[in-house]
Amino acid sequence: MLKIGWAQRDVSTEKPVIINGQYYMRVSKGVLDPITVTALTMENERDYVIFLETDFTKTVKGVLNMVCEKVSGKNKEINTDKIIMNATHSHTSPIQSPNGQMSDWGKLEEIPHEGVDVADPYEYIEFFTDMCAEAVCESFESKKEGSMAYGYGYAAVANHRRVVYDPDLTNDENRKAELARIGTTKMYGHTELEDFSGYESGPDHFANFMFTFDKEDKLTGAVINIPCPSQNCEVEWYLSADYWHDVRTILREKYGKDLFVLPQCAAAGDQAPRILHYHEAQLRRYALKFSDHPYDKRLIEPYEMHNRLDIALKICDAFDEVYSWANKEKFNNPKIVHHNKMLELDKIYVSDEEYAKYKARYHEARANFNPKITDDPAQNLRNYSLEIAKIRDLQSVCERYQHQNEDKTHKTEIHVVRIGDIAFATNQFELFMDYQHRIQARSPFTQTFVVQLTAQHHCSSGTYLPTKRATLGKGYSAVMESSVCSYPGGNQLVEETLKELNEISEN
């Protein structure tokens, strides 16, 4: 029989912590809405899986190890290899820093932050991993007989964020030369330019749902798999779960305050929760549609609160529609098979010529390092960290060149999980949409939930994995600074994932 256990913890803090998700440092001014971790254990007599969702940007190296160690210390029956820890890619969550490393900026004590109160990063990571371990153990220990159902619907959440330019559409020779130099594609590029030719690819509006029920057929929770990062509030200085907070609020008002909601970000490396060519029309839409929902004056981009509410309503509408028919077929003893496997993917190799270019750019950036100093300590920290991040990007490519022959592949872990006629397939990347479609199209399962940004034991999650088309177009997310694997590695990821999916389908 199927056994199901849920748990959730609030991991917000009012202390001033470094917020992840941008190239510059932000120090939190408080909590806009709760950031949480949610755990779901699903088990039968054969196997089990523990989903652990975090309202975070990504998971850095060492965090999963800390969680697993604490779980083992609390409950030795739990096989920590069964934990799948994913992030929703909010841009308003604390940095997880087991070693005090503040993302691309170095350790906190190495970063000038005079006049800015910043909480001890070690203290927060201990609290965060404690809460993760508690949620995992509670979900495992509270398992009770129940059933599950599933289905898919549509929610127009994501839009493509890589803008393509065509040199033939402009007569400006300087512009043609610029595109030849930097590439024809740019993330969040301007769409009002005469050489804007469209988007590199389209959006993905599929929304996958898995519902859980207790023995009395009461809805207890849902996994919601959406191919879009939760980064509407990405420039704000307050902690937030972004649109997933609105989703939880709306669904709990309708289905009960105890409903658990576990979000998963499907492949969305080239997707974002905003449109780029219809902005004025969107603002008018929100002004009329949400006239009863005033802006939060604390925010830098308050209209994004309307955007995230609009997104939440779409997800909840899809939830209602799918639930209305999916709950007619419940499964109380689905097959559960859970495999995890280490893969070795082709890395991006830095050529001698590329190394020379990056080295020259690095030294130029170091020589020109001169962050603007103002009367605002927080603004000074922002300016300083932005310059440091640019330098460290270039430095990272140079370091990769120097060490790239020591390990000729990129090692990454994937999980594949069968729950009846549906499957979950994980990866560590900000995975471009095409790879997901290839996996889903050839998967032996009725529905396949692709889950990106899953935690790794030996490295950080979150680097982009672009397609061949994107690599040729260049631009951020498809260049060396932002990727460790390119499309040959992506092709391997697809084939290895499908191999594992086919294997568990036969068990």
Foldseek 3Di string as FASTA:
>chain_A
DKWKFKFKDFLFDCAFFWFAFDLFTFTANEAPDTWMWMWMWIDDPPDIAIEIEGLHQFFFAPLLVLLVVVLCVVPVVDDSVRYWYFYLRERFDGDQCCPQQPPLQGHPVVADQPPDRHDRNNVSSVSVSNRRSVRRVRGVVVIAFWWKWWDKDFFPFKWFFKWFFDPVQDPDPVVSVVCVVFFGIAGLDACVDRRTDGGLDGDDGMKIKMWIAHPVRQTAEMEIEEQEHQYLQNPWNHHDSHLVVLLLVVVCVPRNNRYYYHYFHFQHLRIYRDDRPCVVVVLVVLCVVVVVPDFDVRGPCRCSSSSSNSSSVRSVVRVVVCCVPRSVDIGRDADKDKDKDKDWFAWDAQDPVNLVVLVVVLVVLVVPDDFDDDPDSSVSSRRNSSSSSVNSLSVVNNVCNVCCVVRRTDIWMWMWIDGHQEIEIEGQESEHPVLVVLLQVLFPGPYYRYGYSIQDNGGIGYAAEEAPSDCNRHYPSNDPSRHGYYHRRSVVSSVVRRVVRVVVVVD
